[in-house]
Amino acid sequence: MAITAAQVKELREKSGAGMMDAKKALTETDGDMEAAMDWLRTKGLAKAAKKSGRIAAEGLVAVKVRDGRGVAVEVNSETDFVGKNAEFQSMVDAIATAALGVDTLDALLAADLGGKSVADTVTDKIATIGENMGVRRMAMLEGGTVVTYVHNAAATDMGKIGVLVAMTGDNAEFGRQVAMHIAATNPASLSEDDLDPAVVEKEKQVQMDIARESGKPEAVIEKMIVGRMKKFMSEITLLNQAFVVNPDLTVAKAAEEAGVAITGFKRLEVGEGIEVEKEDFAAEVAKVGQS
């Protein structure tokens, strides 16, 4: 019998299996949904569904550059152990390469990876490795020169933090130093011009409230705020930060002396912003004892 796309979609949602595996299961069982689920279970392909709700906050960020275009992709796993797994690393590398040809995360998930979509490839890997995984984020950057850096590297071009730096001029060594600086300082933006106005306004209000506590006149407070906001900008905007390689220079001044201009950057850190529930050891042991 003919298997419809709706049937395949329903089985995928129920089982967590990949599209091709779901279609094959339905074909083998003449479209019987329950029998298809059993077929997937016997093949070990329905295990992914049981793991899809578990928090995946570990993993790797991989970076790639081609023809002035750089990408960084975060692929998560549940444990750091899997991040060191050669099979997982090979998949992450292939996903990052595929990212060079797309512009959005949705397009990446739909991209072909050896006959399967990236999304289905990840689902299949969940079943074989036994942990929840996911492609969480991708970042793209274009420029005259794009330089990459990974911190805490687990393999070539992949680690816990991935950085892309775009610049004019051809000074890859300096670009790498800037990328290392970004990995360490995590600036909020390139300069004041592209900083979120809400962030600026919030900080200004906080500083105003602190200054008013001193009881000084408003005219004096206004002058105090100018200095404090300048200091704030020097801490969170890349070009105004003191360069870690030479703290006597700002990053902008160091770039000028290196004969380049930094035009953009991207920084991805594994698990950034993911809330992970922590359970104390005694509670964990008690839970095991009750099961």
C-alpha atoms as a PDB file:
ATOM      1  CA  MET A   1       0.000   0.000   0.000  1.00  0.00           C
ATOM      2  CA  ALA A   2       1.057   3.623  -0.519  1.00  0.00           C
ATOM      3  CA  ILE A   3       2.488   5.299   2.575  1.00  0.00           C
ATOM      4  CA  THR A   4       1.452   8.930   2.995  1.00  0.00           C
ATOM      5  CA  ALA A   5       3.558  11.813   4.273  1.00  0.00           C
ATOM      6  CA  ALA A   6       1.034  12.291   7.096  1.00  0.00           C
ATOM      7  CA  GLN A   7       1.600   8.712   8.285  1.00  0.00           C
ATOM      8  CA  VAL A   8       5.359   9.176   8.218  1.00  0.00           C
ATOM      9  CA  LYS A   9       5.048  12.429  10.165  1.00  0.00           C
ATOM     10  CA  GLU A  10       2.814  10.805  12.796  1.00  0.00           C
ATOM     11  CA  LEU A  11       5.199   7.894  13.291  1.00  0.00           C
ATOM     12  CA  ARG A  12       8.202  10.209  13.506  1.00  0.00           C
ATOM     13  CA  GLU A  13       6.499  12.233  16.240  1.00  0.00           C
ATOM     14  CA  LYS A  14       5.527   9.121  18.188  1.00  0.00           C
ATOM     15  CA  SER A  15       8.845   7.319  17.870  1.00  0.00           C
ATOM     16  CA  GLY A  16      11.478  10.007  17.471  1.00  0.00           C
ATOM     17  CA  ALA A  17      12.896   7.952  14.583  1.00  0.00           C
ATOM     18  CA  GLY A  18      14.264   9.495  11.396  1.00  0.00           C
ATOM     19  CA  MET A  19      12.082  10.106   8.330  1.00  0.00           C
ATOM     20  CA  MET A  20      13.543   7.307   6.211  1.00  0.00           C
ATOM     21  CA  ASP A  21      13.365   4.825   9.097  1.00  0.00           C
ATOM     22  CA  ALA A  22       9.738   5.779   9.802  1.00  0.00           C
ATOM     23  CA  LYS A  23       8.819   5.329   6.152  1.00  0.00           C
ATOM     24  CA  LYS A  24      10.568   1.960   5.995  1.00  0.00           C
ATOM     25  CA  ALA A  25       8.808   0.777   9.164  1.00  0.00           C
ATOM     26  CA  LEU A  26       5.401   1.675   7.710  1.00  0.00           C
ATOM     27  CA  THR A  27       6.256   0.014   4.415  1.00  0.00           C
ATOM     28  CA  GLU A  28       7.356  -3.172   6.183  1.00  0.00           C
ATOM     29  CA  THR A  29       4.120  -3.278   8.205  1.00  0.00           C
ATOM     30  CA  ASP A  30       1.649  -2.216   5.483  1.00  0.00           C
ATOM     31  CA  GLY A  31       0.931   1.088   7.208  1.00  0.00           C
ATOM     32  CA  ASP A  32      -0.020  -0.407  10.582  1.00  0.00           C
ATOM     33  CA  MET A  33       1.058   2.303  13.066  1.00  0.00           C
ATOM     34  CA  GLU A  34       1.357   0.038  16.121  1.00  0.00           C
ATOM     35  CA  ALA A  35       3.193  -2.642  14.198  1.00  0.00           C
ATOM     36  CA  ALA A  36       5.501   0.018  12.756  1.00  0.00           C
ATOM     37  CA  MET A  37       6.298   1.235  16.296  1.00  0.00           C
ATOM     38  CA  ASP A  38       7.157  -2.334  17.289  1.00  0.00           C
ATOM     39  CA  TRP A  39       9.315  -2.692  14.158  1.00  0.00           C
ATOM     40  CA  LEU A  40      11.259   0.443  15.103  1.00  0.00           C
ATOM     41  CA  ARG A  41      11.692  -0.752  18.688  1.00  0.00           C
ATOM     42  CA  THR A  42      13.104  -4.093  17.558  1.00  0.00           C
ATOM     43  CA  LYS A  43      15.587  -2.240  15.384  1.00  0.00           C
ATOM     44  CA  GLY A  44      16.538   0.064  18.274  1.00  0.00           C
ATOM     45  CA  LEU A  45      15.336   3.106  16.340  1.00  0.00           C
ATOM     46  CA  ALA A  46      12.576   4.268  18.687  1.00  0.00           C
ATOM     47  CA  LYS A  47      14.863   4.872  21.645  1.00  0.00           C
ATOM     48  CA  ALA A  48      15.307   8.502  20.716  1.00  0.00           C
ATOM     49  CA  ALA A  49      11.768   9.392  21.793  1.00  0.00           C
ATOM     50  CA  LYS A  50      12.479   8.420  25.397  1.00  0.00           C
ATOM     51  CA  LYS A  51      15.498  10.707  25.470  1.00  0.00           C
ATOM     52  CA  SER A  52      14.082  13.753  23.706  1.00  0.00           C
ATOM     53  CA  GLY A  53      12.912  15.394  26.947  1.00  0.00           C
ATOM     54  CA  ARG A  54      16.252  15.183  28.707  1.00  0.00           C
ATOM     55  CA  ILE A  55      18.367  18.316  29.000  1.00  0.00           C
ATOM     56  CA  ALA A  56      21.306  18.465  26.601  1.00  0.00           C
ATOM     57  CA  ALA A  57      23.641  21.228  27.797  1.00  0.00           C
ATOM     58  CA  GLU A  58      27.014  19.724  26.898  1.00  0.00           C
ATOM     59  CA  GLY A  59      28.445  19.061  23.448  1.00  0.00           C
ATOM     60  CA  LEU A  60      30.603  21.019  21.022  1.00  0.00           C
ATOM     61  CA  VAL A  61      30.794  24.193  18.964  1.00  0.00           C
ATOM     62  CA  ALA A  62      32.355  23.668  15.535  1.00  0.00           C
ATOM     63  CA  VAL A  63      33.667  26.419  13.242  1.00  0.00           C
ATOM     64  CA  LYS A  64      34.305  26.438   9.492  1.00  0.00           C
ATOM     65  CA  VAL A  65      35.435  29.047   6.959  1.00  0.00           C
ATOM     66  CA  ARG A  66      35.182  29.047   3.164  1.00  0.00           C
ATOM     67  CA  ASP A  67      35.532  31.903   0.657  1.00  0.00           C
ATOM     68  CA  GLY A  68      35.176  34.717   3.180  1.00  0.00           C
ATOM     69  CA  ARG A  69      32.226  33.099   4.953  1.00  0.00           C
ATOM     70  CA  GLY A  70      32.491  31.654   8.440  1.00  0.00           C
ATOM     71  CA  VAL A  71      30.007  29.584  10.433  1.00  0.00           C
ATOM     72  CA  ALA A  72      29.825  28.387  14.021  1.00  0.00           C
ATOM     73  CA  VAL A  73      27.398  25.633  15.017  1.00  0.00           C
ATOM     74  CA  GLU A  74      26.481  24.405  18.509  1.00  0.00           C
ATOM     75  CA  VAL A  75      25.487  20.725  18.750  1.00  0.00           C
ATOM     76  CA  ASN A  76      24.466  19.612  22.221  1.00  0.00           C
ATOM     77  CA  SER A  77      24.617  16.322  24.079  1.00  0.00           C
ATOM     78  CA  GLU A  78      23.720  15.378  27.638  1.00  0.00           C
ATOM     79  CA  THR A  79      27.235  14.660  28.864  1.00  0.00           C
ATOM     80  CA  ASP A  80      30.731  15.916  28.219  1.00  0.00           C
ATOM     81  CA  PHE A  81      31.749  12.299  27.655  1.00  0.00           C
ATOM     82  CA  VAL A  82      29.795  12.173  24.390  1.00  0.00           C
ATOM     83  CA  GLY A  83      31.526  15.381  23.288  1.00  0.00           C
ATOM     84  CA  LYS A  84      34.746  13.351  23.258  1.00  0.00           C
ATOM     85  CA  ASN A  85      33.172  10.539  21.227  1.00  0.00           C
ATOM     86  CA  ALA A  86      34.729  10.256  17.738  1.00  0.00           C
ATOM     87  CA  GLU A  87      31.369   9.301  16.191  1.00  0.00           C
ATOM     88  CA  PHE A  88      29.699  12.400  17.669  1.00  0.00           C
ATOM     89  CA  GLN A  89      32.606  14.622  16.603  1.00  0.00           C
ATOM     90  CA  SER A  90      32.412  13.301  13.046  1.00  0.00           C
ATOM     91  CA  MET A  91      28.714  14.181  12.923  1.00  0.00           C
ATOM     92  CA  VAL A  92      29.330  17.668  14.326  1.00  0.00           C
ATOM     93  CA  ASP A  93      32.061  18.278  11.740  1.00  0.00           C
ATOM     94  CA  ALA A  94      29.730  17.222   8.920  1.00  0.00           C
ATOM     95  CA  ILE A  95      26.937  19.463  10.240  1.00  0.00           C
ATOM     96  CA  ALA A  96      29.291  22.455  10.411  1.00  0.00           C
ATOM     97  CA  THR A  97      30.392  21.835   6.823  1.00  0.00           C
ATOM     98  CA  ALA A  98      26.734  21.692   5.743  1.00  0.00           C
ATOM     99  CA  ALA A  99      26.156  25.020   7.531  1.00  0.00           C
ATOM    100  CA  LEU A 100      28.496  26.738   5.063  1.00  0.00           C
ATOM    101  CA  GLY A 101      25.796  26.316   2.418  1.00  0.00           C
ATOM    102  CA  VAL A 102      22.767  27.666   4.331  1.00  0.00           C
ATOM    103  CA  ASP A 103      21.649  30.888   6.004  1.00  0.00           C
ATOM    104  CA  THR A 104      19.342  29.770   8.829  1.00  0.00           C
ATOM    105  CA  LEU A 105      19.079  27.063  11.478  1.00  0.00           C
ATOM    106  CA  ASP A 106      15.904  25.680   9.870  1.00  0.00           C
ATOM    107  CA  ALA A 107      17.683  25.402   6.538  1.00  0.00           C
ATOM    108  CA  LEU A 108      20.571  23.623   8.248  1.00  0.00           C
ATOM    109  CA  LEU A 109      18.257  21.084   9.898  1.00  0.00           C
ATOM    110  CA  ALA A 110      16.742  20.356   6.479  1.00  0.00           C
ATOM    111  CA  ALA A 111      20.118  20.202   4.683  1.00  0.00           C
ATOM    112  CA  ASP A 112      21.237  16.923   3.135  1.00  0.00           C
ATOM    113  CA  LEU A 113      23.856  14.922   4.978  1.00  0.00           C
ATOM    114  CA  GLY A 114      24.695  11.778   3.059  1.00  0.00           C
ATOM    115  CA  GLY A 115      21.125  11.069   1.965  1.00  0.00           C
ATOM    116  CA  LYS A 116      19.431  12.127   5.198  1.00  0.00           C
ATOM    117  CA  SER A 117      18.544  15.524   6.576  1.00  0.00           C
ATOM    118  CA  VAL A 118      20.657  16.924   9.403  1.00  0.00           C
ATOM    119  CA  ALA A 119      17.629  16.599  11.709  1.00  0.00           C
ATOM    120  CA  ASP A 120      17.172  12.916  10.882  1.00  0.00           C
ATOM    121  CA  THR A 121      20.907  12.272  11.194  1.00  0.00           C
ATOM    122  CA  VAL A 122      20.851  13.670  14.732  1.00  0.00           C
ATOM    123  CA  THR A 123      17.768  11.607  15.620  1.00  0.00           C
ATOM    124  CA  ASP A 124      19.468   8.453  14.391  1.00  0.00           C
ATOM    125  CA  LYS A 125      22.564   9.299  16.414  1.00  0.00           C
ATOM    126  CA  ILE A 126      20.421   9.691  19.546  1.00  0.00           C
ATOM    127  CA  ALA A 127      19.308   6.097  19.047  1.00  0.00           C
ATOM    128  CA  THR A 128      22.804   4.721  18.503  1.00  0.00           C
ATOM    129  CA  ILE A 129      24.747   6.732  21.098  1.00  0.00           C
ATOM    130  CA  GLY A 130      21.958   6.759  23.680  1.00  0.00           C
ATOM    131  CA  GLU A 131      21.808  10.431  24.686  1.00  0.00           C
ATOM    132  CA  ASN A 132      19.553  13.311  23.775  1.00  0.00           C
ATOM    133  CA  MET A 133      21.215  15.630  21.244  1.00  0.00           C
ATOM    134  CA  GLY A 134      20.276  18.663  19.231  1.00  0.00           C
ATOM    135  CA  VAL A 135      21.561  21.302  16.846  1.00  0.00           C
ATOM    136  CA  ARG A 136      20.814  24.361  18.971  1.00  0.00           C
ATOM    137  CA  ARG A 137      22.327  27.385  17.230  1.00  0.00           C
ATOM    138  CA  MET A 138      24.319  28.525  14.250  1.00  0.00           C
ATOM    139  CA  ALA A 139      26.030  31.839  13.594  1.00  0.00           C
ATOM    140  CA  MET A 140      27.304  33.169  10.283  1.00  0.00           C
ATOM    141  CA  LEU A 141      29.794  35.911   9.471  1.00  0.00           C
ATOM    142  CA  GLU A 142      31.144  37.286   6.197  1.00  0.00           C
ATOM    143  CA  GLY A 143      34.085  39.588   5.556  1.00  0.00           C
ATOM    144  CA  GLY A 144      37.248  40.235   3.616  1.00  0.00           C
ATOM    145  CA  THR A 145      39.057  37.902   6.015  1.00  0.00           C
ATOM    146  CA  VAL A 146      37.317  35.600   8.502  1.00  0.00           C
ATOM    147  CA  VAL A 147      39.400  34.027  11.264  1.00  0.00           C
ATOM    148  CA  THR A 148      38.308  31.291  13.677  1.00  0.00           C
ATOM    149  CA  TYR A 149      39.317  30.150  17.139  1.00  0.00           C
ATOM    150  CA  VAL A 150      38.048  27.370  19.408  1.00  0.00           C
ATOM    151  CA  HIS A 151      38.687  27.262  23.144  1.00  0.00           C
ATOM    152  CA  ASN A 152      39.068  23.957  25.006  1.00  0.00           C
ATOM    153  CA  ALA A 153      39.428  22.147  21.686  1.00  0.00           C
ATOM    154  CA  ALA A 154      38.208  18.550  21.639  1.00  0.00           C
ATOM    155  CA  ALA A 155      39.209  18.013  17.997  1.00  0.00           C
ATOM    156  CA  THR A 156      40.157  20.124  14.979  1.00  0.00           C
ATOM    157  CA  ASP A 157      37.883  23.183  14.687  1.00  0.00           C
ATOM    158  CA  MET A 158      35.603  22.180  17.559  1.00  0.00           C
ATOM    159  CA  GLY A 159      35.555  22.862  21.289  1.00  0.00           C
ATOM    160  CA  LYS A 160      33.604  24.473  24.127  1.00  0.00           C
ATOM    161  CA  ILE A 161      33.748  28.017  22.720  1.00  0.00           C
ATOM    162  CA  GLY A 162      33.824  28.923  19.041  1.00  0.00           C
ATOM    163  CA  VAL A 163      34.670  32.416  17.763  1.00  0.00           C
ATOM    164  CA  LEU A 164      34.513  34.011  14.314  1.00  0.00           C
ATOM    165  CA  VAL A 165      36.170  37.355  13.563  1.00  0.00           C
ATOM    166  CA  ALA A 166      35.662  39.297  10.320  1.00  0.00           C
ATOM    167  CA  MET A 167      38.092  42.017   9.310  1.00  0.00           C
ATOM    168  CA  THR A 168      39.562  43.980   6.464  1.00  0.00           C
ATOM    169  CA  GLY A 169      43.215  43.386   5.690  1.00  0.00           C
ATOM    170  CA  ASP A 170      45.204  40.163   5.768  1.00  0.00           C
ATOM    171  CA  ASN A 171      46.672  39.570   9.218  1.00  0.00           C
ATOM    172  CA  ALA A 172      45.418  36.163  10.332  1.00  0.00           C
ATOM    173  CA  GLU A 173      47.708  36.046  13.373  1.00  0.00           C
ATOM    174  CA  PHE A 174      46.282  39.290  14.749  1.00  0.00           C
ATOM    175  CA  GLY A 175      42.765  38.085  13.922  1.00  0.00           C
ATOM    176  CA  ARG A 176      43.384  34.950  15.940  1.00  0.00           C
ATOM    177  CA  GLN A 177      44.584  37.041  18.898  1.00  0.00           C
ATOM    178  CA  VAL A 178      41.364  39.060  18.722  1.00  0.00           C
ATOM    179  CA  ALA A 179      39.329  35.843  18.541  1.00  0.00           C
ATOM    180  CA  MET A 180      41.091  34.564  21.674  1.00  0.00           C
ATOM    181  CA  HIS A 181      40.370  37.913  23.338  1.00  0.00           C
ATOM    182  CA  ILE A 182      36.661  37.534  22.478  1.00  0.00           C
ATOM    183  CA  ALA A 183      36.588  33.990  23.844  1.00  0.00           C
ATOM    184  CA  ALA A 184      37.945  35.285  27.155  1.00  0.00           C
ATOM    185  CA  THR A 185      36.001  38.555  27.546  1.00  0.00           C
ATOM    186  CA  ASN A 186      32.684  37.772  25.816  1.00  0.00           C
ATOM    187  CA  PRO A 187      31.902  41.351  24.654  1.00  0.00           C
ATOM    188  CA  ALA A 188      28.249  42.291  24.182  1.00  0.00           C
ATOM    189  CA  SER A 189      28.792  44.012  20.832  1.00  0.00           C
ATOM    190  CA  LEU A 190      31.411  45.324  18.409  1.00  0.00           C
ATOM    191  CA  SER A 191      30.917  48.983  19.379  1.00  0.00           C
ATOM    192  CA  GLU A 192      28.414  51.396  20.923  1.00  0.00           C
ATOM    193  CA  ASP A 193      26.679  51.701  17.539  1.00  0.00           C
ATOM    194  CA  ASP A 194      25.380  48.117  17.555  1.00  0.00           C
ATOM    195  CA  LEU A 195      24.803  47.744  21.284  1.00  0.00           C
ATOM    196  CA  ASP A 196      21.187  47.080  22.282  1.00  0.00           C
ATOM    197  CA  PRO A 197      19.721  50.463  23.367  1.00  0.00           C
ATOM    198  CA  ALA A 198      17.772  48.698  26.124  1.00  0.00           C
ATOM    199  CA  VAL A 199      21.042  47.479  27.654  1.00  0.00           C
ATOM    200  CA  VAL A 200      22.455  51.002  27.599  1.00  0.00           C
ATOM    201  CA  GLU A 201      19.339  52.550  29.110  1.00  0.00           C
ATOM    202  CA  LYS A 202      19.139  49.935  31.864  1.00  0.00           C
ATOM    203  CA  GLU A 203      22.768  50.495  32.864  1.00  0.00           C
ATOM    204  CA  LYS A 204      22.328  54.260  32.769  1.00  0.00           C
ATOM    205  CA  GLN A 205      19.304  54.017  35.074  1.00  0.00           C
ATOM    206  CA  VAL A 206      21.176  51.768  37.499  1.00  0.00           C
ATOM    207  CA  GLN A 207      24.093  54.205  37.611  1.00  0.00           C
ATOM    208  CA  MET A 208      21.698  57.146  38.116  1.00  0.00           C
ATOM    209  CA  ASP A 209      20.059  55.394  41.077  1.00  0.00           C
ATOM    210  CA  ILE A 210      23.460  54.620  42.620  1.00  0.00           C
ATOM    211  CA  ALA A 211      24.645  58.211  42.130  1.00  0.00           C
ATOM    212  CA  ARG A 212      21.487  59.686  43.659  1.00  0.00           C
ATOM    213  CA  GLU A 213      22.116  57.655  46.806  1.00  0.00           C
ATOM    214  CA  SER A 214      25.154  59.894  47.351  1.00  0.00           C
ATOM    215  CA  GLY A 215      22.880  62.928  47.741  1.00  0.00           C
ATOM    216  CA  LYS A 216      24.875  64.993  45.234  1.00  0.00           C
ATOM    217  CA  PRO A 217      23.168  67.656  43.075  1.00  0.00           C
ATOM    218  CA  GLU A 218      21.689  66.552  39.719  1.00  0.00           C
ATOM    219  CA  ALA A 219      24.253  68.591  37.766  1.00  0.00           C
ATOM    220  CA  VAL A 220      27.077  66.699  39.465  1.00  0.00           C
ATOM    221  CA  ILE A 221      25.282  63.383  38.985  1.00  0.00           C
ATOM    222  CA  GLU A 222      24.969  64.019  35.239  1.00  0.00           C
ATOM    223  CA  LYS A 223      28.760  64.451  34.975  1.00  0.00           C
ATOM    224  CA  MET A 224      29.314  61.316  37.061  1.00  0.00           C
ATOM    225  CA  ILE A 225      27.065  59.300  34.729  1.00  0.00           C
ATOM    226  CA  VAL A 226      29.044  60.368  31.647  1.00  0.00           C
ATOM    227  CA  GLY A 227      32.225  58.930  33.158  1.00  0.00           C
ATOM    228  CA  ARG A 228      30.557  55.778  34.406  1.00  0.00           C
ATOM    229  CA  MET A 229      28.895  55.040  31.045  1.00  0.00           C
ATOM    230  CA  LYS A 230      32.212  55.541  29.268  1.00  0.00           C
ATOM    231  CA  LYS A 231      33.730  52.955  31.614  1.00  0.00           C
ATOM    232  CA  PHE A 232      30.764  50.640  30.971  1.00  0.00           C
ATOM    233  CA  MET A 233      31.321  50.868  27.216  1.00  0.00           C
ATOM    234  CA  SER A 234      35.018  50.106  27.660  1.00  0.00           C
ATOM    235  CA  GLU A 235      34.073  46.901  29.455  1.00  0.00           C
ATOM    236  CA  ILE A 236      31.400  45.456  27.171  1.00  0.00           C
ATOM    237  CA  THR A 237      32.116  46.681  23.609  1.00  0.00           C
ATOM    238  CA  LEU A 238      34.923  44.881  21.793  1.00  0.00           C
ATOM    239  CA  LEU A 239      36.599  47.844  20.122  1.00  0.00           C
ATOM    240  CA  ASN A 240      36.732  49.813  23.387  1.00  0.00           C
ATOM    241  CA  GLN A 241      38.044  46.968  25.541  1.00  0.00           C
ATOM    242  CA  ALA A 242      41.653  46.836  26.681  1.00  0.00           C
ATOM    243  CA  PHE A 243      43.360  44.295  24.407  1.00  0.00           C
ATOM    244  CA  VAL A 244      44.332  41.237  26.458  1.00  0.00           C
ATOM    245  CA  VAL A 245      47.572  40.844  24.491  1.00  0.00           C
ATOM    246  CA  ASN A 246      48.561  44.464  25.245  1.00  0.00           C
ATOM    247  CA  PRO A 247      46.295  46.113  27.873  1.00  0.00           C
ATOM    248  CA  ASP A 248      47.856  49.502  27.137  1.00  0.00           C
ATOM    249  CA  LEU A 249      45.909  49.535  23.852  1.00  0.00           C
ATOM    250  CA  THR A 250      42.216  49.237  23.088  1.00  0.00           C
ATOM    251  CA  VAL A 251      41.283  46.545  20.599  1.00  0.00           C
ATOM    252  CA  ALA A 252      40.482  49.275  18.066  1.00  0.00           C
ATOM    253  CA  LYS A 253      43.923  50.870  18.475  1.00  0.00           C
ATOM    254  CA  ALA A 254      45.665  47.486  18.311  1.00  0.00           C
ATOM    255  CA  ALA A 255      43.785  46.727  15.079  1.00  0.00           C
ATOM    256  CA  GLU A 256      44.848  50.060  13.630  1.00  0.00           C
ATOM    257  CA  GLU A 257      48.492  49.320  14.419  1.00  0.00           C
ATOM    258  CA  ALA A 258      48.094  45.846  12.887  1.00  0.00           C
ATOM    259  CA  GLY A 259      46.801  47.407   9.666  1.00  0.00           C
ATOM    260  CA  VAL A 260      43.309  45.933   9.848  1.00  0.00           C
ATOM    261  CA  ALA A 261      39.758  46.948  10.805  1.00  0.00           C
ATOM    262  CA  ILE A 262      37.526  44.537  12.686  1.00  0.00           C
ATOM    263  CA  THR A 263      34.079  44.495  11.072  1.00  0.00           C
ATOM    264  CA  GLY A 264      32.250  41.877  13.116  1.00  0.00           C
ATOM    265  CA  PHE A 265      32.426  38.848  15.383  1.00  0.00           C
ATOM    266  CA  LYS A 266      30.363  35.892  16.583  1.00  0.00           C
ATOM    267  CA  ARG A 267      30.875  33.872  19.757  1.00  0.00           C
ATOM    268  CA  LEU A 268      29.081  30.647  20.704  1.00  0.00           C
ATOM    269  CA  GLU A 269      29.654  28.831  23.998  1.00  0.00           C
ATOM    270  CA  VAL A 270      28.317  25.349  24.654  1.00  0.00           C
ATOM    271  CA  GLY A 271      25.281  25.341  26.924  1.00  0.00           C
ATOM    272  CA  GLU A 272      25.131  29.122  27.229  1.00  0.00           C
ATOM    273  CA  GLY A 273      21.746  30.102  28.660  1.00  0.00           C
ATOM    274  CA  ILE A 274      20.523  26.548  29.246  1.00  0.00           C
ATOM    275  CA  GLU A 275      19.216  25.947  32.746  1.00  0.00           C
ATOM    276  CA  VAL A 276      20.363  22.617  34.149  1.00  0.00           C
ATOM    277  CA  GLU A 277      18.715  21.151  37.207  1.00  0.00           C
ATOM    278  CA  LYS A 278      21.263  20.112  39.799  1.00  0.00           C
ATOM    279  CA  GLU A 279      20.532  17.425  42.345  1.00  0.00           C
ATOM    280  CA  ASP A 280      22.670  16.776  45.379  1.00  0.00           C
ATOM    281  CA  PHE A 281      24.354  13.399  45.679  1.00  0.00           C
ATOM    282  CA  ALA A 282      22.343  12.305  48.755  1.00  0.00           C
ATOM    283  CA  ALA A 283      19.060  12.974  46.938  1.00  0.00           C
ATOM    284  CA  GLU A 284      20.312  11.046  43.914  1.00  0.00           C
ATOM    285  CA  VAL A 285      21.236   8.023  46.032  1.00  0.00           C
ATOM    286  CA  ALA A 286      17.850   8.175  47.808  1.00  0.00           C
ATOM    287  CA  LYS A 287      16.051   8.233  44.467  1.00  0.00           C
ATOM    288  CA  VAL A 288      17.982   5.156  43.292  1.00  0.00           C
ATOM    289  CA  GLY A 289      17.100   3.365  46.537  1.00  0.00           C
ATOM    290  CA  GLN A 290      13.400   4.006  45.997  1.00  0.00           C
ATOM    291  CA  SER A 291      13.356   2.725  42.431  1.00  0.00           C
END
